[in-house]
Amino acid sequence: MKKIGIGIIGLGYIGKLHMRHSLKLPNINLVGVADFSKKAQKEAKSFGVKKIFSNYEQLLKEPEIDAVIVALPTHLHLPCARDVAEASKHVFLEKPIARSVDEGEKILSYVQKNSVKLMMGYQLRFNKVFRDLKDKIDDGVLGDVELAYATFISSGPFFHRADSHTPLRVPEWWFNKELTGGGALIDVGSHLINLLRWYFGEITNVKCHLGYRYNLDFEDGATCFAKFESGTTAVISAGWFSQAFNLGVDCYGSVNHAFAKHLSPNRLIAATQMLTTGMSDFHRPHFDELNYFAQSLLADIQPNPSGKDGLKDLQAISQAYQNSMGLD
């Protein structure tokens, strides 16, 4: 079987997940990884990765690499994506595409100039429950969807890892608006906006109320009201303020109602799934999106969601920030 040579830049939580999946996929050859952290490098070595770099410029010199997964903080997306594209390698970029629309447009210009493909990391599009809901909408089972409620409430950066009984230290960049581009809306809210654009087409208007429970420089909660070109109106709720995980979409149509809910992983069930199949259901969408990315490159077709999708999501988020309103 022909394989795509992959490199990974950034071995934080999501980067390590991509590393483990890359090693399992038959259509991927994980050539090497890059991270300045000695701990991350040691972990990559323990998984059997042969080429490990502290500087990603060295990784980009590897001729076996066809594409690179960029799993870095948002403020590093532009320079890293530019360097990957200029090295003539395809790009898999975790959401959001950038901190600002201007940066997102620059990323797309580098991708186009160097004739490489860019896919955004939106794993919800590869989640069975959300794909099933998409099929119902497209097949007309619900009729015309008049109203949708999309929710992604979690603890954001303030959560317990599965292998730890206490909260872990949060990297400083999480709390610097200049580095993140925003808070809960641009972080988890981007998932919902991308998903709803997939369902209902482009957003024609959006307004937003921002919440500041923790008195940070950016929002830890957001409620948006969006209108789509299909005529659907959606209420989009994103937040970092709860230890209770809630991710789902409710659709109310002229014929019927349907909902999709992504359940929080039960540790016992997840552990059983890991022992029996080597993967939990919670993380399977990440596996499937990476498999799809590799298959698309092997077939020489543009994978979706594309960089243009990522930019449109960011444009909608930027409009929501500009149209934020107080409810006090």
C-alpha atoms as a PDB file:
ATOM      1  CA  MET A   1       0.000   0.000   0.000  1.00  0.00           C
ATOM      2  CA  LYS A   2       1.242   3.447  -0.920  1.00  0.00           C
ATOM      3  CA  LYS A   3       1.701   5.691   2.101  1.00  0.00           C
ATOM      4  CA  ILE A   4       1.788   9.415   2.801  1.00  0.00           C
ATOM      5  CA  GLY A   5       4.881  10.576   4.651  1.00  0.00           C
ATOM      6  CA  ILE A   6       3.739  12.650   7.637  1.00  0.00           C
ATOM      7  CA  GLY A   7       5.541  14.977  10.015  1.00  0.00           C
ATOM      8  CA  ILE A   8       4.024  16.446  13.172  1.00  0.00           C
ATOM      9  CA  ILE A   9       4.896  19.845  14.626  1.00  0.00           C
ATOM     10  CA  GLY A  10       3.807  20.252  18.237  1.00  0.00           C
ATOM     11  CA  LEU A  11       3.327  17.405  20.696  1.00  0.00           C
ATOM     12  CA  GLY A  12       0.815  18.838  23.112  1.00  0.00           C
ATOM     13  CA  TYR A  13      -2.408  16.966  23.865  1.00  0.00           C
ATOM     14  CA  ILE A  14      -3.746  16.964  20.295  1.00  0.00           C
ATOM     15  CA  GLY A  15      -0.326  16.511  18.695  1.00  0.00           C
ATOM     16  CA  LYS A  16       0.286  13.364  20.734  1.00  0.00           C
ATOM     17  CA  LEU A  17      -3.126  12.066  19.741  1.00  0.00           C
ATOM     18  CA  HIS A  18      -2.250  12.569  16.067  1.00  0.00           C
ATOM     19  CA  MET A  19       1.081  10.855  16.669  1.00  0.00           C
ATOM     20  CA  ARG A  20      -0.561   7.749  18.109  1.00  0.00           C
ATOM     21  CA  HIS A  21      -3.102   7.605  15.294  1.00  0.00           C
ATOM     22  CA  SER A  22      -0.463   8.139  12.607  1.00  0.00           C
ATOM     23  CA  LEU A  23       1.408   5.109  13.898  1.00  0.00           C
ATOM     24  CA  LYS A  24      -1.751   2.982  13.563  1.00  0.00           C
ATOM     25  CA  LEU A  25      -2.932   4.060  10.115  1.00  0.00           C
ATOM     26  CA  PRO A  26      -1.772   1.802   7.261  1.00  0.00           C
ATOM     27  CA  ASN A  27      -1.772   4.653   4.713  1.00  0.00           C
ATOM     28  CA  ILE A  28       0.563   6.862   6.782  1.00  0.00           C
ATOM     29  CA  ASN A  29       4.288   6.689   7.370  1.00  0.00           C
ATOM     30  CA  LEU A  30       5.124   8.875  10.372  1.00  0.00           C
ATOM     31  CA  VAL A  31       8.551  10.119   9.340  1.00  0.00           C
ATOM     32  CA  GLY A  32       9.253  12.413  12.275  1.00  0.00           C
ATOM     33  CA  VAL A  33       8.046  14.898  14.865  1.00  0.00           C
ATOM     34  CA  ALA A  34       9.215  18.239  16.239  1.00  0.00           C
ATOM     35  CA  ASP A  35       8.786  19.763  19.689  1.00  0.00           C
ATOM     36  CA  PHE A  36      11.154  21.722  21.927  1.00  0.00           C
ATOM     37  CA  SER A  37       9.959  19.860  25.036  1.00  0.00           C
ATOM     38  CA  LYS A  38      12.382  17.162  26.182  1.00  0.00           C
ATOM     39  CA  LYS A  39       9.496  15.341  27.856  1.00  0.00           C
ATOM     40  CA  ALA A  40       7.509  15.275  24.607  1.00  0.00           C
ATOM     41  CA  GLN A  41      10.563  14.115  22.682  1.00  0.00           C
ATOM     42  CA  LYS A  42      11.109  11.297  25.162  1.00  0.00           C
ATOM     43  CA  GLU A  43       7.489  10.194  24.820  1.00  0.00           C
ATOM     44  CA  ALA A  44       7.745  10.207  21.022  1.00  0.00           C
ATOM     45  CA  LYS A  45      10.828   8.026  21.273  1.00  0.00           C
ATOM     46  CA  SER A  46       8.986   5.597  23.546  1.00  0.00           C
ATOM     47  CA  PHE A  47       6.360   5.199  20.799  1.00  0.00           C
ATOM     48  CA  GLY A  48       9.051   4.253  18.323  1.00  0.00           C
ATOM     49  CA  VAL A  49       9.299   7.496  16.324  1.00  0.00           C
ATOM     50  CA  LYS A  50      12.717   7.464  14.644  1.00  0.00           C
ATOM     51  CA  LYS A  51      13.300  11.108  13.773  1.00  0.00           C
ATOM     52  CA  ILE A  52      12.713  13.614  16.557  1.00  0.00           C
ATOM     53  CA  PHE A  53      13.654  17.285  16.301  1.00  0.00           C
ATOM     54  CA  SER A  54      13.625  20.243  18.661  1.00  0.00           C
ATOM     55  CA  ASN A  55      13.461  22.639  15.696  1.00  0.00           C
ATOM     56  CA  TYR A  56      10.738  22.168  13.101  1.00  0.00           C
ATOM     57  CA  GLU A  57      12.867  23.712  10.348  1.00  0.00           C
ATOM     58  CA  GLN A  58      14.957  20.544  10.535  1.00  0.00           C
ATOM     59  CA  LEU A  59      11.846  18.399  10.179  1.00  0.00           C
ATOM     60  CA  LEU A  60      10.814  20.271   7.035  1.00  0.00           C
ATOM     61  CA  LYS A  61      14.082  19.281   5.354  1.00  0.00           C
ATOM     62  CA  GLU A  62      13.127  15.598   5.429  1.00  0.00           C
ATOM     63  CA  PRO A  63      12.444  14.563   1.788  1.00  0.00           C
ATOM     64  CA  GLU A  64      10.195  11.659   2.826  1.00  0.00           C
ATOM     65  CA  ILE A  65       7.625  14.026   4.329  1.00  0.00           C
ATOM     66  CA  ASP A  66       4.687  14.812   2.034  1.00  0.00           C
ATOM     67  CA  ALA A  67       2.478  16.587   4.562  1.00  0.00           C
ATOM     68  CA  VAL A  68       2.743  18.118   8.025  1.00  0.00           C
ATOM     69  CA  ILE A  69       0.292  18.232  10.909  1.00  0.00           C
ATOM     70  CA  VAL A  70       0.543  21.618  12.651  1.00  0.00           C
ATOM     71  CA  ALA A  71      -0.643  21.275  16.261  1.00  0.00           C
ATOM     72  CA  LEU A  72       0.719  24.495  17.746  1.00  0.00           C
ATOM     73  CA  PRO A  73      -0.827  27.394  19.692  1.00  0.00           C
ATOM     74  CA  THR A  74      -2.865  29.706  17.468  1.00  0.00           C
ATOM     75  CA  HIS A  75      -0.329  32.551  17.380  1.00  0.00           C
ATOM     76  CA  LEU A  76       2.166  30.214  15.707  1.00  0.00           C
ATOM     77  CA  HIS A  77      -0.177  29.026  12.945  1.00  0.00           C
ATOM     78  CA  LEU A  78       0.748  31.710  10.415  1.00  0.00           C
ATOM     79  CA  PRO A  79       4.561  31.432  10.546  1.00  0.00           C
ATOM     80  CA  CYS A  80       4.500  27.651  10.770  1.00  0.00           C
ATOM     81  CA  ALA A  81       1.918  27.111   7.995  1.00  0.00           C
ATOM     82  CA  ARG A  82       3.906  29.519   5.814  1.00  0.00           C
ATOM     83  CA  ASP A  83       7.122  27.569   6.381  1.00  0.00           C
ATOM     84  CA  VAL A  84       5.407  24.227   5.730  1.00  0.00           C
ATOM     85  CA  ALA A  85       3.855  25.503   2.489  1.00  0.00           C
ATOM     86  CA  GLU A  86       7.136  27.021   1.336  1.00  0.00           C
ATOM     87  CA  ALA A  87       8.764  23.640   1.941  1.00  0.00           C
ATOM     88  CA  SER A  88       6.219  22.304  -0.630  1.00  0.00           C
ATOM     89  CA  LYS A  89       4.451  20.102   1.880  1.00  0.00           C
ATOM     90  CA  HIS A  90       0.705  19.782   2.380  1.00  0.00           C
ATOM     91  CA  VAL A  91      -0.775  21.139   5.612  1.00  0.00           C
ATOM     92  CA  PHE A  92      -3.148  19.727   8.210  1.00  0.00           C
ATOM     93  CA  LEU A  93      -3.852  22.674  10.529  1.00  0.00           C
ATOM     94  CA  GLU A  94      -5.719  22.473  13.806  1.00  0.00           C
ATOM     95  CA  LYS A  95      -8.530  25.004  14.267  1.00  0.00           C
ATOM     96  CA  PRO A  96      -8.902  27.932  14.397  1.00  0.00           C
ATOM     97  CA  ILE A  97      -7.017  28.768  11.226  1.00  0.00           C
ATOM     98  CA  ALA A  98      -5.459  31.870  12.829  1.00  0.00           C
ATOM     99  CA  ARG A  99      -5.958  34.665  15.348  1.00  0.00           C
ATOM    100  CA  SER A 100      -7.437  37.082  12.826  1.00  0.00           C
ATOM    101  CA  VAL A 101      -8.997  37.184   9.382  1.00  0.00           C
ATOM    102  CA  ASP A 102      -5.892  38.948   8.056  1.00  0.00           C
ATOM    103  CA  GLU A 103      -3.647  36.122   9.272  1.00  0.00           C
ATOM    104  CA  GLY A 104      -6.031  33.530   7.851  1.00  0.00           C
ATOM    105  CA  GLU A 105      -5.940  35.225   4.438  1.00  0.00           C
ATOM    106  CA  LYS A 106      -2.139  35.211   4.514  1.00  0.00           C
ATOM    107  CA  ILE A 107      -2.083  31.482   5.255  1.00  0.00           C
ATOM    108  CA  LEU A 108      -4.323  30.816   2.263  1.00  0.00           C
ATOM    109  CA  SER A 109      -2.108  32.965   0.060  1.00  0.00           C
ATOM    110  CA  TYR A 110       0.988  30.926   1.001  1.00  0.00           C
ATOM    111  CA  VAL A 111      -0.885  27.670   0.363  1.00  0.00           C
ATOM    112  CA  GLN A 112      -2.060  28.859  -3.046  1.00  0.00           C
ATOM    113  CA  LYS A 113       1.320  30.324  -4.021  1.00  0.00           C
ATOM    114  CA  ASN A 114       3.095  27.038  -3.276  1.00  0.00           C
ATOM    115  CA  SER A 115       0.368  24.786  -4.767  1.00  0.00           C
ATOM    116  CA  VAL A 116      -0.138  22.669  -1.647  1.00  0.00           C
ATOM    117  CA  LYS A 117      -3.340  21.440  -0.028  1.00  0.00           C
ATOM    118  CA  LEU A 118      -4.637  22.619   3.348  1.00  0.00           C
ATOM    119  CA  MET A 119      -7.128  20.776   5.555  1.00  0.00           C
ATOM    120  CA  MET A 120      -8.508  22.130   8.801  1.00  0.00           C
ATOM    121  CA  GLY A 121      -8.724  19.923  11.881  1.00  0.00           C
ATOM    122  CA  TYR A 122     -12.462  19.847  12.682  1.00  0.00           C
ATOM    123  CA  GLN A 123     -13.016  16.329  13.964  1.00  0.00           C
ATOM    124  CA  LEU A 124     -16.752  16.822  14.618  1.00  0.00           C
ATOM    125  CA  ARG A 125     -17.353  16.463  10.882  1.00  0.00           C
ATOM    126  CA  PHE A 126     -16.085  12.887  11.251  1.00  0.00           C
ATOM    127  CA  ASN A 127     -18.203  12.066  14.281  1.00  0.00           C
ATOM    128  CA  LYS A 128     -20.928   9.552  13.399  1.00  0.00           C
ATOM    129  CA  VAL A 129     -23.718  11.285  15.328  1.00  0.00           C
ATOM    130  CA  PHE A 130     -23.100  14.621  13.594  1.00  0.00           C
ATOM    131  CA  ARG A 131     -22.718  12.965  10.191  1.00  0.00           C
ATOM    132  CA  ASP A 132     -26.023  11.147  10.704  1.00  0.00           C
ATOM    133  CA  LEU A 133     -27.709  14.455  11.513  1.00  0.00           C
ATOM    134  CA  LYS A 134     -26.217  15.947   8.338  1.00  0.00           C
ATOM    135  CA  ASP A 135     -27.748  13.081   6.319  1.00  0.00           C
ATOM    136  CA  LYS A 136     -31.177  13.704   7.849  1.00  0.00           C
ATOM    137  CA  ILE A 137     -31.001  17.401   7.005  1.00  0.00           C
ATOM    138  CA  ASP A 138     -29.837  16.747   3.433  1.00  0.00           C
ATOM    139  CA  ASP A 139     -32.418  13.998   2.869  1.00  0.00           C
ATOM    140  CA  GLY A 140     -35.266  16.298   3.913  1.00  0.00           C
ATOM    141  CA  VAL A 141     -36.312  14.093   6.826  1.00  0.00           C
ATOM    142  CA  LEU A 142     -36.755  17.183   9.018  1.00  0.00           C
ATOM    143  CA  GLY A 143     -38.329  19.373   6.348  1.00  0.00           C
ATOM    144  CA  ASP A 144     -37.025  22.946   6.411  1.00  0.00           C
ATOM    145  CA  VAL A 145     -34.937  23.449   9.523  1.00  0.00           C
ATOM    146  CA  GLU A 146     -36.215  26.666  11.064  1.00  0.00           C
ATOM    147  CA  LEU A 147     -34.293  26.612  14.332  1.00  0.00           C
ATOM    148  CA  ALA A 148     -31.124  24.949  15.605  1.00  0.00           C
ATOM    149  CA  TYR A 149     -29.457  24.956  19.017  1.00  0.00           C
ATOM    150  CA  ALA A 150     -25.752  24.125  19.094  1.00  0.00           C
ATOM    151  CA  THR A 151     -23.916  23.771  22.401  1.00  0.00           C
ATOM    152  CA  PHE A 152     -20.298  23.143  23.354  1.00  0.00           C
ATOM    153  CA  ILE A 153     -19.839  23.673  27.078  1.00  0.00           C
ATOM    154  CA  SER A 154     -16.751  22.351  28.818  1.00  0.00           C
ATOM    155  CA  SER A 155     -14.039  23.368  31.243  1.00  0.00           C
ATOM    156  CA  GLY A 156     -11.777  24.571  28.432  1.00  0.00           C
ATOM    157  CA  PRO A 157      -8.160  24.700  29.580  1.00  0.00           C
ATOM    158  CA  PHE A 158      -9.194  24.072  33.204  1.00  0.00           C
ATOM    159  CA  PHE A 159      -9.799  20.359  32.993  1.00  0.00           C
ATOM    160  CA  HIS A 160      -8.449  17.159  34.508  1.00  0.00           C
ATOM    161  CA  ARG A 161      -6.554  14.901  32.145  1.00  0.00           C
ATOM    162  CA  ALA A 162      -7.601  11.258  32.186  1.00  0.00           C
ATOM    163  CA  ASP A 163      -4.283  10.233  33.728  1.00  0.00           C
ATOM    164  CA  SER A 164      -4.256  12.876  36.466  1.00  0.00           C
ATOM    165  CA  HIS A 165      -6.327  13.377  39.620  1.00  0.00           C
ATOM    166  CA  THR A 166      -5.546  17.088  39.825  1.00  0.00           C
ATOM    167  CA  PRO A 167      -5.746  19.930  37.288  1.00  0.00           C
ATOM    168  CA  LEU A 168      -2.570  20.345  35.293  1.00  0.00           C
ATOM    169  CA  ARG A 169      -0.713  23.609  34.821  1.00  0.00           C
ATOM    170  CA  VAL A 170      -2.219  25.682  32.001  1.00  0.00           C
ATOM    171  CA  PRO A 171       0.329  27.158  29.546  1.00  0.00           C
ATOM    172  CA  GLU A 172       0.559  30.946  29.798  1.00  0.00           C
ATOM    173  CA  TRP A 173      -0.401  31.525  26.155  1.00  0.00           C
ATOM    174  CA  TRP A 174      -3.945  30.358  26.944  1.00  0.00           C
ATOM    175  CA  PHE A 175      -4.502  33.575  28.935  1.00  0.00           C
ATOM    176  CA  ASN A 176      -2.999  36.055  26.479  1.00  0.00           C
ATOM    177  CA  LYS A 177      -5.621  37.431  24.090  1.00  0.00           C
ATOM    178  CA  GLU A 178      -2.894  38.631  21.754  1.00  0.00           C
ATOM    179  CA  LEU A 179      -1.774  35.021  21.353  1.00  0.00           C
ATOM    180  CA  THR A 180      -5.155  33.271  21.233  1.00  0.00           C
ATOM    181  CA  GLY A 181      -7.257  35.789  19.297  1.00  0.00           C
ATOM    182  CA  GLY A 182     -10.069  35.348  21.822  1.00  0.00           C
ATOM    183  CA  GLY A 183     -11.571  32.927  24.304  1.00  0.00           C
ATOM    184  CA  ALA A 184     -14.275  30.260  24.289  1.00  0.00           C
ATOM    185  CA  LEU A 185     -15.917  31.497  21.077  1.00  0.00           C
ATOM    186  CA  ILE A 186     -12.852  31.200  18.861  1.00  0.00           C
ATOM    187  CA  ASP A 187     -11.822  27.986  20.631  1.00  0.00           C
ATOM    188  CA  VAL A 188     -14.775  25.603  21.054  1.00  0.00           C
ATOM    189  CA  GLY A 189     -17.232  27.920  19.289  1.00  0.00           C
ATOM    190  CA  SER A 190     -15.333  27.520  16.024  1.00  0.00           C
ATOM    191  CA  HIS A 191     -16.270  23.813  16.043  1.00  0.00           C
ATOM    192  CA  LEU A 192     -19.976  24.665  16.205  1.00  0.00           C
ATOM    193  CA  ILE A 193     -19.798  27.367  13.556  1.00  0.00           C
ATOM    194  CA  ASN A 194     -17.987  25.042  11.181  1.00  0.00           C
ATOM    195  CA  LEU A 195     -20.493  22.267  11.830  1.00  0.00           C
ATOM    196  CA  LEU A 196     -23.532  24.520  11.299  1.00  0.00           C
ATOM    197  CA  ARG A 197     -22.068  26.032   8.116  1.00  0.00           C
ATOM    198  CA  TRP A 198     -21.726  22.438   6.871  1.00  0.00           C
ATOM    199  CA  TYR A 199     -25.390  21.867   7.668  1.00  0.00           C
ATOM    200  CA  PHE A 200     -27.001  25.135   6.574  1.00  0.00           C
ATOM    201  CA  GLY A 201     -24.604  27.062   4.316  1.00  0.00           C
ATOM    202  CA  GLU A 202     -23.031  30.443   4.888  1.00  0.00           C
ATOM    203  CA  ILE A 203     -23.828  32.723   7.812  1.00  0.00           C
ATOM    204  CA  THR A 204     -25.516  35.922   6.631  1.00  0.00           C
ATOM    205  CA  ASN A 205     -25.659  37.660  10.004  1.00  0.00           C
ATOM    206  CA  VAL A 206     -24.500  36.942  13.545  1.00  0.00           C
ATOM    207  CA  LYS A 207     -24.666  38.711  16.895  1.00  0.00           C
ATOM    208  CA  CYS A 208     -23.226  37.633  20.200  1.00  0.00           C
ATOM    209  CA  HIS A 209     -23.351  38.043  23.969  1.00  0.00           C
ATOM    210  CA  LEU A 210     -20.022  37.397  25.704  1.00  0.00           C
ATOM    211  CA  GLY A 211     -19.651  36.179  29.296  1.00  0.00           C
ATOM    212  CA  TYR A 212     -16.799  36.855  31.722  1.00  0.00           C
ATOM    213  CA  ARG A 213     -17.376  34.610  34.732  1.00  0.00           C
ATOM    214  CA  TYR A 214     -13.670  34.396  35.542  1.00  0.00           C
ATOM    215  CA  ASN A 215     -12.880  38.057  34.811  1.00  0.00           C
ATOM    216  CA  LEU A 216     -10.310  37.219  32.157  1.00  0.00           C
ATOM    217  CA  ASP A 217      -9.268  39.524  29.326  1.00  0.00           C
ATOM    218  CA  PHE A 218     -11.443  37.491  26.977  1.00  0.00           C
ATOM    219  CA  GLU A 219     -14.750  35.628  27.145  1.00  0.00           C
ATOM    220  CA  ASP A 220     -15.156  32.318  28.946  1.00  0.00           C
ATOM    221  CA  GLY A 221     -18.681  32.018  27.554  1.00  0.00           C
ATOM    222  CA  ALA A 222     -20.512  33.142  24.427  1.00  0.00           C
ATOM    223  CA  THR A 223     -24.074  32.930  23.131  1.00  0.00           C
ATOM    224  CA  CYS A 224     -24.465  33.762  19.446  1.00  0.00           C
ATOM    225  CA  PHE A 225     -27.557  34.264  17.302  1.00  0.00           C
ATOM    226  CA  ALA A 226     -26.843  33.408  13.673  1.00  0.00           C
ATOM    227  CA  LYS A 227     -28.858  33.497  10.455  1.00  0.00           C
ATOM    228  CA  PHE A 228     -27.883  31.157   7.596  1.00  0.00           C
ATOM    229  CA  GLU A 229     -28.470  31.428   3.861  1.00  0.00           C
ATOM    230  CA  SER A 230     -30.797  28.403   4.101  1.00  0.00           C
ATOM    231  CA  GLY A 231     -33.126  30.489   6.272  1.00  0.00           C
ATOM    232  CA  THR A 232     -32.227  28.611   9.451  1.00  0.00           C
ATOM    233  CA  THR A 233     -31.728  30.580  12.655  1.00  0.00           C
ATOM    234  CA  ALA A 234     -29.301  29.107  15.205  1.00  0.00           C
ATOM    235  CA  VAL A 235     -28.478  29.750  18.838  1.00  0.00           C
ATOM    236  CA  ILE A 236     -24.818  28.871  19.400  1.00  0.00           C
ATOM    237  CA  SER A 237     -23.569  28.483  22.974  1.00  0.00           C
ATOM    238  CA  ALA A 238     -19.879  28.003  23.732  1.00  0.00           C
ATOM    239  CA  GLY A 239     -18.259  28.024  27.154  1.00  0.00           C
ATOM    240  CA  TRP A 240     -15.306  27.120  29.333  1.00  0.00           C
ATOM    241  CA  PHE A 241     -17.149  27.534  32.630  1.00  0.00           C
ATOM    242  CA  SER A 242     -18.311  24.025  33.538  1.00  0.00           C
ATOM    243  CA  GLN A 243     -16.711  20.753  34.547  1.00  0.00           C
ATOM    244  CA  ALA A 244     -19.766  19.058  32.976  1.00  0.00           C
ATOM    245  CA  PHE A 245     -19.111  18.334  29.294  1.00  0.00           C
ATOM    246  CA  ASN A 246     -22.000  19.081  26.914  1.00  0.00           C
ATOM    247  CA  LEU A 247     -21.678  18.936  23.130  1.00  0.00           C
ATOM    248  CA  GLY A 248     -24.675  18.613  20.872  1.00  0.00           C
ATOM    249  CA  VAL A 249     -26.933  20.032  18.167  1.00  0.00           C
ATOM    250  CA  ASP A 250     -30.773  20.148  18.188  1.00  0.00           C
ATOM    251  CA  CYS A 251     -32.611  20.839  14.934  1.00  0.00           C
ATOM    252  CA  TYR A 252     -36.304  21.760  14.666  1.00  0.00           C
ATOM    253  CA  GLY A 253     -37.759  21.387  11.201  1.00  0.00           C
ATOM    254  CA  SER A 254     -41.132  21.894   9.580  1.00  0.00           C
ATOM    255  CA  VAL A 255     -41.639  18.110   9.525  1.00  0.00           C
ATOM    256  CA  ASN A 256     -39.644  16.668  12.395  1.00  0.00           C
ATOM    257  CA  HIS A 257     -37.072  17.240  15.124  1.00  0.00           C
ATOM    258  CA  ALA A 258     -33.689  15.561  15.513  1.00  0.00           C
ATOM    259  CA  PHE A 259     -30.654  15.953  17.723  1.00  0.00           C
ATOM    260  CA  ALA A 260     -27.076  14.742  17.906  1.00  0.00           C
ATOM    261  CA  LYS A 261     -25.093  14.514  21.129  1.00  0.00           C
ATOM    262  CA  HIS A 262     -21.433  13.674  21.591  1.00  0.00           C
ATOM    263  CA  LEU A 263     -21.178  11.966  24.970  1.00  0.00           C
ATOM    264  CA  SER A 264     -18.352  12.599  27.404  1.00  0.00           C
ATOM    265  CA  PRO A 265     -16.122   9.529  27.696  1.00  0.00           C
ATOM    266  CA  ASN A 266     -16.812   7.187  30.588  1.00  0.00           C
ATOM    267  CA  ARG A 267     -13.408   6.171  31.917  1.00  0.00           C
ATOM    268  CA  LEU A 268     -14.322   2.511  32.401  1.00  0.00           C
ATOM    269  CA  ILE A 269     -15.901   2.216  28.953  1.00  0.00           C
ATOM    270  CA  ALA A 270     -13.030   4.109  27.336  1.00  0.00           C
ATOM    271  CA  ALA A 271     -10.488   1.852  29.065  1.00  0.00           C
ATOM    272  CA  THR A 272     -12.366  -1.244  27.872  1.00  0.00           C
ATOM    273  CA  GLN A 273     -12.468   0.087  24.330  1.00  0.00           C
ATOM    274  CA  MET A 274      -8.741   0.840  24.443  1.00  0.00           C
ATOM    275  CA  LEU A 275      -7.997  -2.710  25.599  1.00  0.00           C
ATOM    276  CA  THR A 276     -10.265  -4.374  23.028  1.00  0.00           C
ATOM    277  CA  THR A 277      -9.860  -2.135  19.959  1.00  0.00           C
ATOM    278  CA  GLY A 278      -6.899   0.086  20.792  1.00  0.00           C
ATOM    279  CA  MET A 279      -9.059   3.227  20.565  1.00  0.00           C
ATOM    280  CA  SER A 280     -11.939   4.869  22.422  1.00  0.00           C
ATOM    281  CA  ASP A 281     -15.094   6.007  20.623  1.00  0.00           C
ATOM    282  CA  PHE A 282     -14.406   9.530  21.909  1.00  0.00           C
ATOM    283  CA  HIS A 283     -11.184   9.766  19.892  1.00  0.00           C
ATOM    284  CA  ARG A 284     -12.258   7.814  16.797  1.00  0.00           C
ATOM    285  CA  PRO A 285     -13.310  10.989  14.884  1.00  0.00           C
ATOM    286  CA  HIS A 286      -9.703  12.253  15.132  1.00  0.00           C
ATOM    287  CA  PHE A 287      -8.518   8.921  13.733  1.00  0.00           C
ATOM    288  CA  ASP A 288     -11.050   9.008  10.899  1.00  0.00           C
ATOM    289  CA  GLU A 289     -10.257  12.594   9.888  1.00  0.00           C
ATOM    290  CA  LEU A 290      -6.541  11.799   9.671  1.00  0.00           C
ATOM    291  CA  ASN A 291      -7.271   8.679   7.629  1.00  0.00           C
ATOM    292  CA  TYR A 292      -9.421  10.807   5.293  1.00  0.00           C
ATOM    293  CA  PHE A 293      -6.638  13.413   4.995  1.00  0.00           C
ATOM    294  CA  ALA A 294      -4.145  10.754   3.909  1.00  0.00           C
ATOM    295  CA  GLN A 295      -6.616   9.179   1.480  1.00  0.00           C
ATOM    296  CA  SER A 296      -7.328  12.573  -0.096  1.00  0.00           C
ATOM    297  CA  LEU A 297      -3.646  13.261  -0.647  1.00  0.00           C
ATOM    298  CA  LEU A 298      -3.111   9.817  -2.152  1.00  0.00           C
ATOM    299  CA  ALA A 299      -6.012  10.513  -4.542  1.00  0.00           C
ATOM    300  CA  ASP A 300      -4.693  14.038  -5.218  1.00  0.00           C
ATOM    301  CA  ILE A 301      -7.972  15.716  -4.233  1.00  0.00           C
ATOM    302  CA  GLN A 302      -8.622  18.670  -1.948  1.00  0.00           C
ATOM    303  CA  PRO A 303      -9.609  17.461   1.543  1.00  0.00           C
ATOM    304  CA  ASN A 304     -12.432  19.165   3.425  1.00  0.00           C
ATOM    305  CA  PRO A 305     -12.931  21.141   5.564  1.00  0.00           C
ATOM    306  CA  SER A 306     -10.488  23.249   3.587  1.00  0.00           C
ATOM    307  CA  GLY A 307      -8.516  26.342   4.469  1.00  0.00           C
ATOM    308  CA  LYS A 308     -11.291  28.411   2.877  1.00  0.00           C
ATOM    309  CA  ASP A 309     -13.712  26.830   5.348  1.00  0.00           C
ATOM    310  CA  GLY A 310     -11.408  27.776   8.206  1.00  0.00           C
ATOM    311  CA  LEU A 311     -11.280  31.372   6.972  1.00  0.00           C
ATOM    312  CA  LYS A 312     -15.083  31.596   6.643  1.00  0.00           C
ATOM    313  CA  ASP A 313     -15.447  30.285  10.197  1.00  0.00           C
ATOM    314  CA  LEU A 314     -13.059  32.966  11.417  1.00  0.00           C
ATOM    315  CA  GLN A 315     -14.883  35.660   9.454  1.00  0.00           C
ATOM    316  CA  ALA A 316     -18.127  34.677  11.186  1.00  0.00           C
ATOM    317  CA  ILE A 317     -16.407  34.684  14.583  1.00  0.00           C
ATOM    318  CA  SER A 318     -14.913  38.106  13.857  1.00  0.00           C
ATOM    319  CA  GLN A 319     -18.378  39.416  12.938  1.00  0.00           C
ATOM    320  CA  ALA A 320     -19.787  37.983  16.172  1.00  0.00           C
ATOM    321  CA  TYR A 321     -17.096  39.733  18.226  1.00  0.00           C
ATOM    322  CA  GLN A 322     -17.808  43.007  16.407  1.00  0.00           C
ATOM    323  CA  ASN A 323     -21.555  42.597  17.029  1.00  0.00           C
ATOM    324  CA  SER A 324     -21.249  41.636  20.687  1.00  0.00           C
ATOM    325  CA  MET A 325     -23.949  43.093  22.889  1.00  0.00           C
ATOM    326  CA  GLY A 326     -24.454  43.501  26.608  1.00  0.00           C
ATOM    327  CA  LEU A 327     -27.463  42.011  28.362  1.00  0.00           C
ATOM    328  CA  ASP A 328     -26.958  43.630  31.772  1.00  0.00           C
END
